[in-house]
C-alpha atoms as a PDB file:
ATOM      1  CA  MET A   1       4.651  52.994 -37.598  1.00  0.00           C
ATOM      2  CA  LYS A   2       6.875  50.334 -36.453  1.00  0.00           C
ATOM      3  CA  PHE A   3       5.681  46.669 -36.725  1.00  0.00           C
ATOM      4  CA  LYS A   4       6.175  46.049 -32.977  1.00  0.00           C
ATOM      5  CA  HIS A   5       4.008  49.026 -32.269  1.00  0.00           C
ATOM      6  CA  VAL A   6       1.219  47.791 -34.579  1.00  0.00           C
ATOM      7  CA  PHE A   7       1.551  44.158 -33.080  1.00  0.00           C
ATOM      8  CA  PHE A   8       1.161  45.686 -29.548  1.00  0.00           C
ATOM      9  CA  LEU A   9      -1.882  47.952 -30.103  1.00  0.00           C
ATOM     10  CA  THR A  10      -3.664  45.057 -31.968  1.00  0.00           C
ATOM     11  CA  TYR A  11      -2.999  42.701 -29.158  1.00  0.00           C
ATOM     12  CA  VAL A  12      -4.228  45.305 -26.668  1.00  0.00           C
ATOM     13  CA  ALA A  13      -7.470  45.840 -28.843  1.00  0.00           C
ATOM     14  CA  ILE A  14      -8.122  42.183 -28.861  1.00  0.00           C
ATOM     15  CA  ILE A  15      -7.729  41.785 -25.081  1.00  0.00           C
ATOM     16  CA  ILE A  16     -10.295  44.740 -24.621  1.00  0.00           C
ATOM     17  CA  VAL A  17     -12.976  43.058 -26.896  1.00  0.00           C
ATOM     18  CA  GLY A  18     -12.339  39.564 -25.279  1.00  0.00           C
ATOM     19  CA  CYS A  19     -12.992  41.053 -21.801  1.00  0.00           C
ATOM     20  CA  GLY A  20     -16.199  42.741 -22.987  1.00  0.00           C
ATOM     21  CA  CYS A  21     -17.444  39.656 -24.483  1.00  0.00           C
ATOM     22  CA  ALA A  22     -16.542  37.517 -21.403  1.00  0.00           C
ATOM     23  CA  LEU A  23     -18.537  39.942 -19.245  1.00  0.00           C
ATOM     24  CA  SER A  24     -21.628  39.428 -21.363  1.00  0.00           C
ATOM     25  CA  GLU A  25     -21.271  35.563 -21.302  1.00  0.00           C
ATOM     26  CA  LYS A  26     -21.218  35.580 -17.535  1.00  0.00           C
ATOM     27  CA  ASN A  27     -24.835  36.848 -17.544  1.00  0.00           C
ATOM     28  CA  ILE A  28     -26.175  34.443 -19.845  1.00  0.00           C
ATOM     29  CA  PRO A  29     -27.729  31.178 -18.495  1.00  0.00           C
ATOM     30  CA  PRO A  30     -27.114  27.835 -19.956  1.00  0.00           C
ATOM     31  CA  LEU A  31     -30.368  27.591 -22.027  1.00  0.00           C
ATOM     32  CA  GLN A  32     -30.613  24.624 -24.014  1.00  0.00           C
ATOM     33  CA  ASP A  33     -32.044  26.099 -26.951  1.00  0.00           C
ATOM     34  CA  GLN A  34     -30.761  29.648 -27.152  1.00  0.00           C
ATOM     35  CA  TYR A  35     -31.356  31.831 -30.436  1.00  0.00           C
ATOM     36  CA  LEU A  36     -34.706  29.943 -30.912  1.00  0.00           C
ATOM     37  CA  GLY A  37     -32.977  26.644 -31.163  1.00  0.00           C
ATOM     38  CA  GLN A  38     -31.184  27.751 -34.476  1.00  0.00           C
ATOM     39  CA  LYS A  39     -27.791  26.031 -35.449  1.00  0.00           C
ATOM     40  CA  PRO A  40     -25.379  28.812 -35.104  1.00  0.00           C
ATOM     41  CA  PRO A  41     -24.075  30.351 -38.403  1.00  0.00           C
ATOM     42  CA  GLY A  42     -20.281  30.388 -39.422  1.00  0.00           C
ATOM     43  CA  ASP A  43     -18.635  32.764 -41.734  1.00  0.00           C
ATOM     44  CA  ASN A  44     -21.729  32.723 -44.400  1.00  0.00           C
ATOM     45  CA  PRO A  45     -24.780  34.664 -43.456  1.00  0.00           C
ATOM     46  CA  GLU A  46     -28.042  32.663 -42.928  1.00  0.00           C
ATOM     47  CA  VAL A  47     -31.422  33.476 -42.541  1.00  0.00           C
ATOM     48  CA  PHE A  48     -32.306  34.056 -38.835  1.00  0.00           C
ATOM     49  CA  ALA A  49     -35.039  31.651 -37.710  1.00  0.00           C
ATOM     50  CA  PRO A  50     -36.734  31.179 -41.033  1.00  0.00           C
ATOM     51  CA  GLY A  51     -40.673  30.803 -40.958  1.00  0.00           C
ATOM     52  CA  PHE A  52     -40.684  31.916 -37.298  1.00  0.00           C
ATOM     53  CA  VAL A  53     -38.991  35.325 -37.210  1.00  0.00           C
ATOM     54  CA  SER A  54     -38.043  35.711 -40.761  1.00  0.00           C
ATOM     55  CA  ASP A  55     -41.419  34.731 -42.178  1.00  0.00           C
ATOM     56  CA  GLU A  56     -42.706  35.266 -45.730  1.00  0.00           C
ATOM     57  CA  SER A  57     -45.971  36.667 -44.211  1.00  0.00           C
ATOM     58  CA  TRP A  58     -44.302  39.918 -43.147  1.00  0.00           C
ATOM     59  CA  ALA A  59     -41.342  42.218 -44.171  1.00  0.00           C
ATOM     60  CA  GLU A  60     -38.915  42.284 -41.351  1.00  0.00           C
ATOM     61  CA  HIS A  61     -37.514  45.832 -40.477  1.00  0.00           C
ATOM     62  CA  CYS A  62     -34.929  47.208 -38.201  1.00  0.00           C
ATOM     63  CA  GLN A  63     -32.829  45.159 -35.828  1.00  0.00           C
ATOM     64  CA  VAL A  64     -33.187  42.021 -33.702  1.00  0.00           C
ATOM     65  CA  ALA A  65     -32.934  42.686 -30.129  1.00  0.00           C
ATOM     66  CA  VAL A  66     -31.767  39.669 -27.991  1.00  0.00           C
ATOM     67  CA  SER A  67     -32.101  39.896 -24.151  1.00  0.00           C
ATOM     68  CA  PRO A  68     -28.834  39.944 -22.078  1.00  0.00           C
ATOM     69  CA  ASN A  69     -29.706  36.534 -20.654  1.00  0.00           C
ATOM     70  CA  GLY A  70     -30.833  35.192 -23.911  1.00  0.00           C
ATOM     71  CA  ASP A  71     -34.208  34.114 -22.977  1.00  0.00           C
ATOM     72  CA  GLU A  72     -36.351  36.815 -24.996  1.00  0.00           C
ATOM     73  CA  ILE A  73     -36.226  38.020 -28.478  1.00  0.00           C
ATOM     74  CA  PHE A  74     -37.860  41.132 -29.850  1.00  0.00           C
ATOM     75  CA  TRP A  75     -38.178  42.404 -33.508  1.00  0.00           C
ATOM     76  CA  SER A  76     -40.318  44.369 -35.795  1.00  0.00           C
ATOM     77  CA  ALA A  77     -41.936  43.965 -39.209  1.00  0.00           C
ATOM     78  CA  TRP A  78     -44.282  45.348 -41.699  1.00  0.00           C
ATOM     79  CA  THR A  79     -47.472  43.311 -41.657  1.00  0.00           C
ATOM     80  CA  GLY A  80     -50.818  43.215 -43.413  1.00  0.00           C
ATOM     81  CA  ALA A  81     -52.425  41.913 -40.316  1.00  0.00           C
ATOM     82  CA  TYR A  82     -52.454  45.291 -38.827  1.00  0.00           C
ATOM     83  CA  LYS A  83     -53.553  48.019 -41.191  1.00  0.00           C
ATOM     84  CA  THR A  84     -53.669  51.764 -40.941  1.00  0.00           C
ATOM     85  CA  GLU A  85     -56.982  53.259 -39.743  1.00  0.00           C
ATOM     86  CA  ASP A  86     -58.265  53.667 -43.185  1.00  0.00           C
ATOM     87  CA  GLY A  87     -57.520  49.958 -43.821  1.00  0.00           C
ATOM     88  CA  GLU A  88     -55.135  50.908 -46.947  1.00  0.00           C
ATOM     89  CA  LYS A  89     -51.463  50.440 -45.742  1.00  0.00           C
ATOM     90  CA  ASN A  90     -49.738  47.976 -43.798  1.00  0.00           C
ATOM     91  CA  THR A  91     -48.016  49.128 -40.422  1.00  0.00           C
ATOM     92  CA  GLU A  92     -44.866  47.993 -38.707  1.00  0.00           C
ATOM     93  CA  GLN A  93     -45.420  46.238 -35.390  1.00  0.00           C
ATOM     94  CA  ILE A  94     -43.250  44.676 -32.555  1.00  0.00           C
ATOM     95  CA  PHE A  95     -43.305  41.041 -32.259  1.00  0.00           C
ATOM     96  CA  TYR A  96     -41.472  38.847 -29.495  1.00  0.00           C
ATOM     97  CA  SER A  97     -40.907  35.266 -28.144  1.00  0.00           C
ATOM     98  CA  LYS A  98     -39.910  34.158 -24.839  1.00  0.00           C
ATOM     99  CA  PHE A  99     -38.223  31.029 -23.670  1.00  0.00           C
ATOM    100  CA  GLU A 100     -40.266  29.284 -20.881  1.00  0.00           C
ATOM    101  CA  LYS A 101     -40.658  25.886 -19.579  1.00  0.00           C
ATOM    102  CA  GLY A 102     -38.198  24.646 -22.036  1.00  0.00           C
ATOM    103  CA  THR A 103     -39.663  26.059 -25.210  1.00  0.00           C
ATOM    104  CA  TRP A 104     -39.806  29.286 -27.163  1.00  0.00           C
ATOM    105  CA  ALA A 105     -43.360  30.522 -27.405  1.00  0.00           C
ATOM    106  CA  GLU A 106     -44.974  31.407 -30.672  1.00  0.00           C
ATOM    107  CA  PRO A 107     -44.411  34.993 -32.036  1.00  0.00           C
ATOM    108  CA  GLN A 108     -46.676  37.388 -30.257  1.00  0.00           C
ATOM    109  CA  LEU A 109     -47.663  41.249 -30.652  1.00  0.00           C
ATOM    110  CA  ALA A 110     -46.007  43.327 -28.118  1.00  0.00           C
ATOM    111  CA  GLU A 111     -48.561  44.388 -25.571  1.00  0.00           C
ATOM    112  CA  PHE A 112     -46.977  47.849 -24.946  1.00  0.00           C
ATOM    113  CA  THR A 113     -47.869  48.859 -28.469  1.00  0.00           C
ATOM    114  CA  LYS A 114     -51.559  48.396 -28.099  1.00  0.00           C
ATOM    115  CA  GLU A 115     -52.425  52.096 -27.706  1.00  0.00           C
ATOM    116  CA  ASN A 116     -50.814  52.795 -31.043  1.00  0.00           C
ATOM    117  CA  PRO A 117     -52.527  49.942 -33.380  1.00  0.00           C
ATOM    118  CA  TYR A 118     -52.752  52.226 -36.522  1.00  0.00           C
ATOM    119  CA  GLY A 119     -49.168  53.770 -36.319  1.00  0.00           C
ATOM    120  CA  LEU A 120     -45.673  52.415 -36.645  1.00  0.00           C
ATOM    121  CA  ASN A 121     -43.978  50.602 -33.736  1.00  0.00           C
ATOM    122  CA  GLY A 122     -40.446  49.290 -34.381  1.00  0.00           C
ATOM    123  CA  GLY A 123     -36.606  49.229 -33.569  1.00  0.00           C
ATOM    124  CA  PRO A 124     -36.587  47.258 -30.431  1.00  0.00           C
ATOM    125  CA  VAL A 125     -33.289  47.711 -28.201  1.00  0.00           C
ATOM    126  CA  TYR A 126     -32.577  46.438 -24.766  1.00  0.00           C
ATOM    127  CA  SER A 127     -30.853  48.485 -22.092  1.00  0.00           C
ATOM    128  CA  LEU A 128     -27.501  46.643 -21.286  1.00  0.00           C
ATOM    129  CA  ASP A 129     -29.001  45.470 -17.831  1.00  0.00           C
ATOM    130  CA  GLY A 130     -32.161  44.087 -19.764  1.00  0.00           C
ATOM    131  CA  LYS A 131     -34.660  45.946 -17.486  1.00  0.00           C
ATOM    132  CA  LYS A 132     -35.719  48.431 -20.234  1.00  0.00           C
ATOM    133  CA  LEU A 133     -36.871  47.956 -23.679  1.00  0.00           C
ATOM    134  CA  PHE A 134     -36.511  50.800 -26.033  1.00  0.00           C
ATOM    135  CA  PHE A 135     -38.266  51.226 -29.374  1.00  0.00           C
ATOM    136  CA  TYR A 136     -39.681  54.191 -31.762  1.00  0.00           C
ATOM    137  CA  GLN A 137     -43.189  54.922 -32.354  1.00  0.00           C
ATOM    138  CA  VAL A 138     -44.959  57.070 -35.092  1.00  0.00           C
ATOM    139  CA  LYS A 139     -48.344  57.853 -34.086  1.00  0.00           C
ATOM    140  CA  SER A 140     -51.402  57.600 -36.237  1.00  0.00           C
ATOM    141  CA  PRO A 141     -51.834  59.147 -38.971  1.00  0.00           C
ATOM    142  CA  TRP A 142     -48.175  58.235 -39.395  1.00  0.00           C
ATOM    143  CA  VAL A 143     -47.740  59.897 -42.813  1.00  0.00           C
ATOM    144  CA  SER A 144     -47.333  63.321 -40.930  1.00  0.00           C
ATOM    145  CA  SER A 145     -46.210  62.433 -37.530  1.00  0.00           C
ATOM    146  CA  THR A 146     -42.583  62.493 -36.040  1.00  0.00           C
ATOM    147  CA  MET A 147     -40.621  59.279 -35.060  1.00  0.00           C
ATOM    148  CA  ASN A 148     -39.887  59.430 -31.262  1.00  0.00           C
ATOM    149  CA  THR A 149     -38.256  56.965 -29.027  1.00  0.00           C
ATOM    150  CA  TYR A 150     -40.053  55.395 -26.050  1.00  0.00           C
ATOM    151  CA  PHE A 151     -39.385  52.628 -23.475  1.00  0.00           C
ATOM    152  CA  VAL A 152     -41.042  50.244 -21.243  1.00  0.00           C
ATOM    153  CA  GLU A 153     -39.615  48.648 -18.061  1.00  0.00           C
ATOM    154  CA  LYS A 154     -39.701  45.241 -16.743  1.00  0.00           C
ATOM    155  CA  THR A 155     -40.918  44.379 -13.257  1.00  0.00           C
ATOM    156  CA  ASN A 156     -41.204  40.800 -11.678  1.00  0.00           C
ATOM    157  CA  GLY A 157     -40.499  39.347 -15.312  1.00  0.00           C
ATOM    158  CA  THR A 158     -43.400  41.371 -16.853  1.00  0.00           C
ATOM    159  CA  TRP A 159     -43.004  44.296 -19.173  1.00  0.00           C
ATOM    160  CA  SER A 160     -45.128  47.541 -18.430  1.00  0.00           C
ATOM    161  CA  ASP A 161     -47.976  48.175 -20.891  1.00  0.00           C
ATOM    162  CA  GLN A 162     -47.502  52.219 -20.824  1.00  0.00           C
ATOM    163  CA  PRO A 163     -44.560  53.437 -22.972  1.00  0.00           C
ATOM    164  CA  ILE A 164     -42.578  56.245 -21.574  1.00  0.00           C
ATOM    165  CA  ASP A 165     -41.302  59.208 -23.769  1.00  0.00           C
ATOM    166  CA  ALA A 166     -37.601  59.228 -23.777  1.00  0.00           C
ATOM    167  CA  GLY A 167     -38.019  62.893 -23.986  1.00  0.00           C
ATOM    168  CA  GLN A 168     -35.462  65.578 -24.816  1.00  0.00           C
ATOM    169  CA  PRO A 169     -32.619  66.052 -25.641  1.00  0.00           C
ATOM    170  CA  TYR A 170     -32.854  62.498 -27.060  1.00  0.00           C
ATOM    171  CA  ASN A 171     -36.152  63.025 -29.121  1.00  0.00           C
ATOM    172  CA  SER A 172     -34.984  66.300 -30.848  1.00  0.00           C
ATOM    173  CA  GLN A 173     -35.068  65.341 -34.554  1.00  0.00           C
ATOM    174  CA  ASP A 174     -37.896  64.224 -36.938  1.00  0.00           C
ATOM    175  CA  GLN A 175     -36.358  60.613 -36.970  1.00  0.00           C
ATOM    176  CA  ASN A 176     -35.428  59.687 -33.489  1.00  0.00           C
ATOM    177  CA  TYR A 177     -34.292  55.797 -33.977  1.00  0.00           C
ATOM    178  CA  SER A 178     -33.660  53.775 -30.926  1.00  0.00           C
ATOM    179  CA  PRO A 179     -30.459  54.307 -29.090  1.00  0.00           C
ATOM    180  CA  VAL A 180     -27.581  51.705 -28.689  1.00  0.00           C
ATOM    181  CA  PHE A 181     -25.855  51.531 -25.373  1.00  0.00           C
ATOM    182  CA  THR A 182     -22.274  50.904 -24.357  1.00  0.00           C
ATOM    183  CA  ARG A 183     -20.501  49.809 -21.229  1.00  0.00           C
ATOM    184  CA  LEU A 184     -18.935  53.170 -20.879  1.00  0.00           C
ATOM    185  CA  GLY A 185     -22.136  54.802 -19.830  1.00  0.00           C
ATOM    186  CA  ASN A 186     -22.946  56.185 -23.379  1.00  0.00           C
ATOM    187  CA  ALA A 187     -25.706  56.013 -25.731  1.00  0.00           C
ATOM    188  CA  TYR A 188     -25.527  56.744 -29.603  1.00  0.00           C
ATOM    189  CA  LYS A 189     -28.234  57.712 -32.183  1.00  0.00           C
ATOM    190  CA  ASN A 190     -28.006  58.149 -35.816  1.00  0.00           C
ATOM    191  CA  ALA A 191     -30.596  60.317 -37.689  1.00  0.00           C
ATOM    192  CA  GLY A 192     -30.350  61.955 -41.067  1.00  0.00           C
ATOM    193  CA  GLY A 193     -26.683  61.018 -41.218  1.00  0.00           C
ATOM    194  CA  ILE A 194     -26.046  62.856 -37.842  1.00  0.00           C
ATOM    195  CA  THR A 195     -24.522  60.624 -35.156  1.00  0.00           C
ATOM    196  CA  SER A 196     -25.251  61.952 -31.680  1.00  0.00           C
ATOM    197  CA  LYS A 197     -23.415  60.707 -28.380  1.00  0.00           C
ATOM    198  CA  PHE A 198     -25.115  60.920 -25.103  1.00  0.00           C
ATOM    199  CA  THR A 199     -24.401  60.003 -21.657  1.00  0.00           C
ATOM    200  CA  TYR A 200     -27.033  57.613 -20.287  1.00  0.00           C
ATOM    201  CA  ASN A 201     -28.043  56.667 -16.809  1.00  0.00           C
ATOM    202  CA  ASP A 202     -31.250  55.101 -15.924  1.00  0.00           C
ATOM    203  CA  ALA A 203     -33.263  56.430 -19.002  1.00  0.00           C
ATOM    204  CA  LYS A 204     -31.970  59.908 -18.621  1.00  0.00           C
ATOM    205  CA  PHE A 205     -30.032  61.080 -21.611  1.00  0.00           C
ATOM    206  CA  ALA A 206     -27.552  64.221 -21.696  1.00  0.00           C
ATOM    207  CA  LEU A 207     -26.280  65.313 -25.184  1.00  0.00           C
ATOM    208  CA  VAL A 208     -22.351  65.182 -25.169  1.00  0.00           C
ATOM    209  CA  ASP A 209     -21.766  65.907 -28.794  1.00  0.00           C
ATOM    210  CA  THR A 210     -22.341  65.029 -32.521  1.00  0.00           C
ATOM    211  CA  LEU A 211     -19.625  63.267 -34.427  1.00  0.00           C
ATOM    212  CA  VAL A 212     -18.348  62.261 -37.800  1.00  0.00           C
ATOM    213  CA  ILE A 213     -17.172  58.612 -38.223  1.00  0.00           C
ATOM    214  CA  HIS A 214     -15.513  59.634 -41.481  1.00  0.00           C
ATOM    215  CA  LYS A 215     -15.789  62.766 -43.929  1.00  0.00           C
ATOM    216  CA  ASP A 216     -16.528  60.550 -46.884  1.00  0.00           C
ATOM    217  CA  PHE A 217     -19.149  58.302 -45.393  1.00  0.00           C
ATOM    218  CA  ARG A 218     -22.730  59.387 -44.522  1.00  0.00           C
ATOM    219  CA  PRO A 219     -24.309  56.652 -42.100  1.00  0.00           C
ATOM    220  CA  ALA A 220     -27.872  55.789 -42.743  1.00  0.00           C
ATOM    221  CA  TRP A 221     -30.391  54.513 -40.281  1.00  0.00           C
ATOM    222  CA  ASN A 222     -29.516  52.858 -37.015  1.00  0.00           C
ATOM    223  CA  ILE A 223     -25.666  52.285 -36.203  1.00  0.00           C
ATOM    224  CA  TYR A 224     -24.115  49.790 -34.009  1.00  0.00           C
ATOM    225  CA  VAL A 225     -21.487  50.769 -31.436  1.00  0.00           C
ATOM    226  CA  SER A 226     -19.633  48.031 -29.559  1.00  0.00           C
ATOM    227  CA  PRO A 227     -19.845  47.862 -25.786  1.00  0.00           C
ATOM    228  CA  MET A 228     -16.409  49.081 -25.363  1.00  0.00           C
ATOM    229  CA  GLU A 229     -16.695  51.646 -28.202  1.00  0.00           C
ATOM    230  CA  ASP A 230     -13.804  50.241 -30.070  1.00  0.00           C
ATOM    231  CA  TYR A 231     -15.757  49.640 -33.355  1.00  0.00           C
ATOM    232  CA  VAL A 232     -18.802  51.002 -35.069  1.00  0.00           C
ATOM    233  CA  ILE A 233     -20.840  49.186 -37.792  1.00  0.00           C
ATOM    234  CA  PHE A 234     -23.187  51.110 -40.128  1.00  0.00           C
ATOM    235  CA  ALA A 235     -25.019  51.255 -43.384  1.00  0.00           C
ATOM    236  CA  ALA A 236     -23.896  53.632 -46.161  1.00  0.00           C
ATOM    237  CA  MET A 237     -23.700  54.016 -50.036  1.00  0.00           C
ATOM    238  CA  HIS A 238     -20.166  54.515 -50.929  1.00  0.00           C
ATOM    239  CA  GLU A 239     -17.920  54.191 -54.134  1.00  0.00           C
ATOM    240  CA  GLY A 240     -16.489  50.595 -54.613  1.00  0.00           C
ATOM    241  CA  GLY A 241     -19.540  49.104 -52.853  1.00  0.00           C
ATOM    242  CA  TYR A 242     -21.524  46.141 -54.246  1.00  0.00           C
ATOM    243  CA  GLY A 243     -24.505  48.006 -55.675  1.00  0.00           C
ATOM    244  CA  ASP A 244     -26.645  49.444 -53.047  1.00  0.00           C
ATOM    245  CA  ILE A 245     -26.478  50.342 -49.464  1.00  0.00           C
ATOM    246  CA  ASP A 246     -23.646  48.254 -47.840  1.00  0.00           C
ATOM    247  CA  LEU A 247     -22.463  47.522 -44.220  1.00  0.00           C
ATOM    248  CA  TYR A 248     -19.054  49.226 -43.180  1.00  0.00           C
ATOM    249  CA  VAL A 249     -17.114  48.872 -39.928  1.00  0.00           C
ATOM    250  CA  SER A 250     -14.759  51.419 -38.404  1.00  0.00           C
ATOM    251  CA  PHE A 251     -12.191  50.570 -35.723  1.00  0.00           C
ATOM    252  CA  LYS A 252     -10.884  52.968 -33.167  1.00  0.00           C
ATOM    253  CA  THR A 253      -7.254  54.138 -33.821  1.00  0.00           C
ATOM    254  CA  GLN A 254      -4.615  54.493 -31.338  1.00  0.00           C
ATOM    255  CA  ASP A 255      -5.501  58.229 -30.996  1.00  0.00           C
ATOM    256  CA  ASN A 256      -9.025  57.329 -30.064  1.00  0.00           C
ATOM    257  CA  LYS A 257     -10.548  58.347 -33.337  1.00  0.00           C
ATOM    258  CA  TRP A 258     -12.557  56.390 -35.912  1.00  0.00           C
ATOM    259  CA  GLY A 259     -10.479  54.661 -38.508  1.00  0.00           C
ATOM    260  CA  THR A 260     -11.250  54.594 -42.455  1.00  0.00           C
ATOM    261  CA  PRO A 261     -14.348  52.368 -42.592  1.00  0.00           C
ATOM    262  CA  LYS A 262     -13.915  49.053 -44.249  1.00  0.00           C
ATOM    263  CA  ASN A 263     -16.700  47.345 -46.261  1.00  0.00           C
ATOM    264  CA  LEU A 264     -17.703  44.089 -44.659  1.00  0.00           C
ATOM    265  CA  GLY A 265     -17.276  42.215 -47.967  1.00  0.00           C
ATOM    266  CA  ASN A 266     -19.229  40.182 -50.415  1.00  0.00           C
ATOM    267  CA  LYS A 267     -20.266  37.513 -47.867  1.00  0.00           C
ATOM    268  CA  ILE A 268     -22.364  40.284 -46.148  1.00  0.00           C
ATOM    269  CA  ASN A 269     -23.044  42.750 -48.868  1.00  0.00           C
ATOM    270  CA  THR A 270     -24.750  41.968 -52.094  1.00  0.00           C
ATOM    271  CA  GLU A 271     -26.347  43.950 -55.037  1.00  0.00           C
ATOM    272  CA  THR A 272     -29.421  44.594 -52.964  1.00  0.00           C
ATOM    273  CA  ARG A 273     -29.563  46.575 -49.688  1.00  0.00           C
ATOM    274  CA  GLU A 274     -28.067  45.545 -46.272  1.00  0.00           C
ATOM    275  CA  ARG A 275     -28.603  47.562 -43.156  1.00  0.00           C
ATOM    276  CA  PHE A 276     -29.633  47.600 -39.541  1.00  0.00           C
ATOM    277  CA  PRO A 277     -26.518  45.952 -37.894  1.00  0.00           C
ATOM    278  CA  THR A 278     -26.439  44.863 -34.349  1.00  0.00           C
ATOM    279  CA  VAL A 279     -24.352  42.314 -32.465  1.00  0.00           C
ATOM    280  CA  SER A 280     -25.731  39.632 -29.925  1.00  0.00           C
ATOM    281  CA  PRO A 281     -25.134  40.392 -26.263  1.00  0.00           C
ATOM    282  CA  ASP A 282     -22.515  37.537 -25.995  1.00  0.00           C
ATOM    283  CA  GLY A 283     -20.598  39.077 -28.963  1.00  0.00           C
ATOM    284  CA  LYS A 284     -20.695  36.066 -31.092  1.00  0.00           C
ATOM    285  CA  TYR A 285     -23.136  37.002 -33.892  1.00  0.00           C
ATOM    286  CA  LEU A 286     -23.776  39.841 -36.106  1.00  0.00           C
ATOM    287  CA  PHE A 287     -27.408  40.537 -37.128  1.00  0.00           C
ATOM    288  CA  PHE A 288     -28.503  42.583 -40.082  1.00  0.00           C
ATOM    289  CA  MET A 289     -31.472  42.869 -42.391  1.00  0.00           C
ATOM    290  CA  ARG A 290     -31.138  42.145 -46.148  1.00  0.00           C
ATOM    291  CA  HIS A 291     -33.619  43.600 -48.879  1.00  0.00           C
ATOM    292  CA  THR A 292     -34.771  40.067 -49.968  1.00  0.00           C
ATOM    293  CA  GLU A 293     -38.226  39.731 -51.528  1.00  0.00           C
ATOM    294  CA  THR A 294     -39.511  39.736 -48.014  1.00  0.00           C
ATOM    295  CA  GLN A 295     -36.803  41.704 -46.261  1.00  0.00           C
ATOM    296  CA  ASP A 296     -35.263  38.872 -43.986  1.00  0.00           C
ATOM    297  CA  PHE A 297     -32.906  39.071 -40.907  1.00  0.00           C
ATOM    298  CA  PHE A 298     -29.610  37.441 -41.285  1.00  0.00           C
ATOM    299  CA  TRP A 299     -27.019  36.277 -38.920  1.00  0.00           C
ATOM    300  CA  VAL A 300     -23.317  35.467 -39.168  1.00  0.00           C
ATOM    301  CA  SER A 301     -20.305  34.937 -37.015  1.00  0.00           C
ATOM    302  CA  THR A 302     -18.517  37.991 -35.585  1.00  0.00           C
ATOM    303  CA  ASP A 303     -15.135  36.370 -36.710  1.00  0.00           C
ATOM    304  CA  ILE A 304     -15.460  38.353 -39.867  1.00  0.00           C
ATOM    305  CA  LEU A 305     -15.058  41.566 -37.767  1.00  0.00           C
ATOM    306  CA  GLU A 306     -11.950  40.191 -36.102  1.00  0.00           C
ATOM    307  CA  GLU A 307     -10.441  39.455 -39.491  1.00  0.00           C
ATOM    308  CA  LEU A 308     -11.010  42.949 -40.762  1.00  0.00           C
ATOM    309  CA  ARG A 309      -9.451  44.482 -37.648  1.00  0.00           C
ATOM    310  CA  GLU A 310      -6.292  42.432 -38.039  1.00  0.00           C
END
């Protein structure tokens, strides 16, 4: 391929991504203390909100969910404060904090999980308009139950307390992780290494197809697809990695196919496990979970993605 052709395609891709970010930023109010008042990270990942979200009293799990207007954050964690019915095992629960009256509230248990106190509740994800929150549940006893996705709706600033089953065809496998939504009207789910693409409209899913990002890579757990579907980030174990599960990014090529995945490098990936990638609604920060002693959430500038794209 000629150099001029490559340069032109790269320029177009950057313009598209820039437009997607700008659309998000217009919806974000000028909060004085966005992201829980944390100092934004640079090119080196930092623990997100230590002692508040990433706390030693629990083990964070799945992805961080930041509301489209930046005034609410949900996350999930394994905690000994909520045990299984027999009192022997920790459970995964969803917590949140909201920005009100100029401050962020202390972490609270999500009220819409109260009817599943002994099961698993995790993987919170906002719809793009912020009016719905999707998450998965495994009912008690969770050792033999299926993981299904549910959602709650926000009315007059308050979340409903009765989860609604996302139903089929979305909940069609044993592990139905939460969806990721795009501005093209689609939703994606990865389960058991199989990535499914759905059309999505107001909590209605229709299966379009299953897809293979790359024949030599098997995505694990949740994946992240960018709003304009020009890149996907996923966790996988692959030859040449850093010792365990690493994070990879694949960019769309000029013929609308996924390019060869690129390892996010040794600033992101370590000898331990990294997974559950997601990008903030303003497009500025990549969040992921690293298997430290207590499984912490990390965040880093998305500049690293643009460097890999170029």
